[in-house]
Every structure is written in C-alpha cells, then in structure tokens.
C-alpha cells in the first residue's frame, strides 16, 4: 500500500467546455514525488470517493500536480463532485 500524501487545491480553471484543470500542492510544503508521463494518482475526495486521474504538465515541476478532469455525463460522483464542489484550498 502506498502512502497517502496530503495535498491542497491550489487552483482550478476551465479547459474548454467540459474540462476542469486542478492544481494540487503539498499540504506540508514539501516537493511532491517524481512521476513520469502516463502516471496517475488515486485522488481521495472529501466526500469519501477515491478516483484515479492522470497527471498532466511537466514531470520536472515537483511543486504541484496538475490534473485535467472531464465532466462525465454518466459520472458515478467523482467528476461531478470535482466540478460542482471542489474549491481552492480544499484538502
């Protein structure tokens, strides 16, 4: 089992009609673990759901993880929660 890293939402912005970019930073101010293209994370949402999302952006940027999350019309709750409820400074 991998460690759960506490992160904070540092920013949210629209990427087209259905996508939301999410910037996550370490809640402890530490660099985040290195990653390679194609990597994903398990995102533990405050509502109790756990969803997997691909990391985007540059792997050299260790101060934040960037996600781009499409709003799914048949969402089981993850993308809907992120688009409707998640806000800057959410843990």
C-alpha atoms as a PDB file:
ATOM      1  CA  UNK A   1       0.000   0.000   0.000  1.00  0.00           C
ATOM      2  CA  UNK A   2       1.306   3.434  -0.902  1.00  0.00           C
ATOM      3  CA  UNK A   3       1.364   6.403   1.413  1.00  0.00           C
ATOM      4  CA  UNK A   4      -1.420   8.953   1.200  1.00  0.00           C
ATOM      5  CA  UNK A   5       0.045  12.396   0.581  1.00  0.00           C
ATOM      6  CA  UNK A   6      -1.938  15.312   1.993  1.00  0.00           C
ATOM      7  CA  UNK A   7      -2.479  17.918  -0.725  1.00  0.00           C
ATOM      8  CA  UNK A   8      -4.373  21.183  -1.064  1.00  0.00           C
ATOM      9  CA  UNK A   9      -6.178  22.514  -4.136  1.00  0.00           C
ATOM     10  CA  UNK A  10      -4.025  25.430  -5.263  1.00  0.00           C
ATOM     11  CA  UNK A  11      -6.049  26.395  -8.319  1.00  0.00           C
ATOM     12  CA  UNK A  12      -8.963  25.468 -10.575  1.00  0.00           C
ATOM     13  CA  UNK A  13      -9.633  26.723 -14.088  1.00  0.00           C
ATOM     14  CA  UNK A  14     -11.697  25.743 -17.116  1.00  0.00           C
ATOM     15  CA  UNK A  15     -10.034  23.926 -20.007  1.00  0.00           C
ATOM     16  CA  UNK A  16     -12.728  24.044 -22.670  1.00  0.00           C
ATOM     17  CA  UNK A  17     -16.429  23.335 -22.229  1.00  0.00           C
ATOM     18  CA  UNK A  18     -16.251  20.080 -20.231  1.00  0.00           C
ATOM     19  CA  UNK A  19     -12.811  20.039 -18.601  1.00  0.00           C
ATOM     20  CA  UNK A  20     -11.547  21.459 -15.336  1.00  0.00           C
ATOM     21  CA  UNK A  21      -7.832  21.793 -14.604  1.00  0.00           C
ATOM     22  CA  UNK A  22      -6.909  21.184 -10.966  1.00  0.00           C
ATOM     23  CA  UNK A  23      -3.590  22.174  -9.384  1.00  0.00           C
ATOM     24  CA  UNK A  24      -2.615  20.286  -6.220  1.00  0.00           C
ATOM     25  CA  UNK A  25       0.258  21.233  -3.897  1.00  0.00           C
ATOM     26  CA  UNK A  26       1.659  19.502  -0.834  1.00  0.00           C
ATOM     27  CA  UNK A  27      -0.195  20.440   2.358  1.00  0.00           C
ATOM     28  CA  UNK A  28       3.176  20.201   4.121  1.00  0.00           C
ATOM     29  CA  UNK A  29       5.053  22.421   1.674  1.00  0.00           C
ATOM     30  CA  UNK A  30       7.344  19.607   0.502  1.00  0.00           C
ATOM     31  CA  UNK A  31       8.153  18.694  -3.106  1.00  0.00           C
ATOM     32  CA  UNK A  32       5.792  16.050  -4.447  1.00  0.00           C
ATOM     33  CA  UNK A  33       7.137  12.651  -5.552  1.00  0.00           C
ATOM     34  CA  UNK A  34       8.625  12.419  -9.031  1.00  0.00           C
ATOM     35  CA  UNK A  35       6.473  10.985 -11.807  1.00  0.00           C
ATOM     36  CA  UNK A  36       6.746  10.014 -15.458  1.00  0.00           C
ATOM     37  CA  UNK A  37       4.369  10.589 -18.399  1.00  0.00           C
ATOM     38  CA  UNK A  38       1.399   8.236 -18.195  1.00  0.00           C
ATOM     39  CA  UNK A  39       1.380   8.255 -14.380  1.00  0.00           C
ATOM     40  CA  UNK A  40      -1.828   8.643 -12.416  1.00  0.00           C
ATOM     41  CA  UNK A  41      -2.807   9.239  -8.807  1.00  0.00           C
ATOM     42  CA  UNK A  42      -5.607   7.978  -6.615  1.00  0.00           C
ATOM     43  CA  UNK A  43      -7.449  11.104  -5.530  1.00  0.00           C
ATOM     44  CA  UNK A  44      -9.199  10.715  -2.157  1.00  0.00           C
ATOM     45  CA  UNK A  45     -12.042  13.226  -2.330  1.00  0.00           C
ATOM     46  CA  UNK A  46     -13.504  14.882   0.793  1.00  0.00           C
ATOM     47  CA  UNK A  47     -16.852  13.212   0.009  1.00  0.00           C
ATOM     48  CA  UNK A  48     -15.257   9.788   0.569  1.00  0.00           C
ATOM     49  CA  UNK A  49     -14.835   8.745  -3.075  1.00  0.00           C
ATOM     50  CA  UNK A  50     -11.487   7.583  -4.459  1.00  0.00           C
ATOM     51  CA  UNK A  51     -10.895   8.187  -8.156  1.00  0.00           C
ATOM     52  CA  UNK A  52      -7.896   7.746 -10.445  1.00  0.00           C
ATOM     53  CA  UNK A  53      -6.710  10.657 -12.588  1.00  0.00           C
ATOM     54  CA  UNK A  54      -3.755  11.030 -14.957  1.00  0.00           C
ATOM     55  CA  UNK A  55      -1.106  13.592 -14.153  1.00  0.00           C
ATOM     56  CA  UNK A  56      -0.558  16.270 -16.802  1.00  0.00           C
ATOM     57  CA  UNK A  57       2.003  19.007 -17.238  1.00  0.00           C
ATOM     58  CA  UNK A  58       5.747  18.699 -16.785  1.00  0.00           C
ATOM     59  CA  UNK A  59       7.242  15.910 -14.643  1.00  0.00           C
ATOM     60  CA  UNK A  60      10.037  18.385 -13.806  1.00  0.00           C
ATOM     61  CA  UNK A  61       7.522  20.520 -11.879  1.00  0.00           C
ATOM     62  CA  UNK A  62       7.707  18.950  -8.416  1.00  0.00           C
ATOM     63  CA  UNK A  63       5.892  21.739  -6.544  1.00  0.00           C
ATOM     64  CA  UNK A  64       2.474  20.747  -7.914  1.00  0.00           C
ATOM     65  CA  UNK A  65       0.483  18.033  -9.628  1.00  0.00           C
ATOM     66  CA  UNK A  66      -1.805  19.077 -12.470  1.00  0.00           C
ATOM     67  CA  UNK A  67      -4.937  17.160 -13.408  1.00  0.00           C
ATOM     68  CA  UNK A  68      -7.442  17.793 -16.188  1.00  0.00           C
ATOM     69  CA  UNK A  69     -10.820  16.311 -15.313  1.00  0.00           C
ATOM     70  CA  UNK A  70     -13.640  15.931 -17.815  1.00  0.00           C
ATOM     71  CA  UNK A  71     -17.172  16.295 -16.545  1.00  0.00           C
ATOM     72  CA  UNK A  72     -18.702  12.920 -17.345  1.00  0.00           C
ATOM     73  CA  UNK A  73     -22.429  12.855 -18.081  1.00  0.00           C
ATOM     74  CA  UNK A  74     -22.632   9.360 -16.563  1.00  0.00           C
ATOM     75  CA  UNK A  75     -20.475  10.293 -13.552  1.00  0.00           C
ATOM     76  CA  UNK A  76     -20.639   7.993 -10.536  1.00  0.00           C
ATOM     77  CA  UNK A  77     -19.850  11.043  -8.438  1.00  0.00           C
ATOM     78  CA  UNK A  78     -16.142  11.815  -8.854  1.00  0.00           C
ATOM     79  CA  UNK A  79     -16.073  14.239 -11.769  1.00  0.00           C
ATOM     80  CA  UNK A  80     -19.404  15.750 -10.707  1.00  0.00           C
ATOM     81  CA  UNK A  81     -18.055  16.396  -7.184  1.00  0.00           C
ATOM     82  CA  UNK A  82     -14.856  17.946  -8.541  1.00  0.00           C
ATOM     83  CA  UNK A  83     -16.696  20.225 -10.992  1.00  0.00           C
ATOM     84  CA  UNK A  84     -19.519  21.248  -8.617  1.00  0.00           C
ATOM     85  CA  UNK A  85     -17.991  21.241  -5.131  1.00  0.00           C
ATOM     86  CA  UNK A  86     -14.184  21.248  -5.060  1.00  0.00           C
ATOM     87  CA  UNK A  87     -12.745  24.711  -4.389  1.00  0.00           C
ATOM     88  CA  UNK A  88      -9.366  26.346  -3.918  1.00  0.00           C
ATOM     89  CA  UNK A  89      -7.841  25.478  -0.517  1.00  0.00           C
ATOM     90  CA  UNK A  90      -9.851  22.218  -0.294  1.00  0.00           C
ATOM     91  CA  UNK A  91      -7.893  19.408   1.366  1.00  0.00           C
END
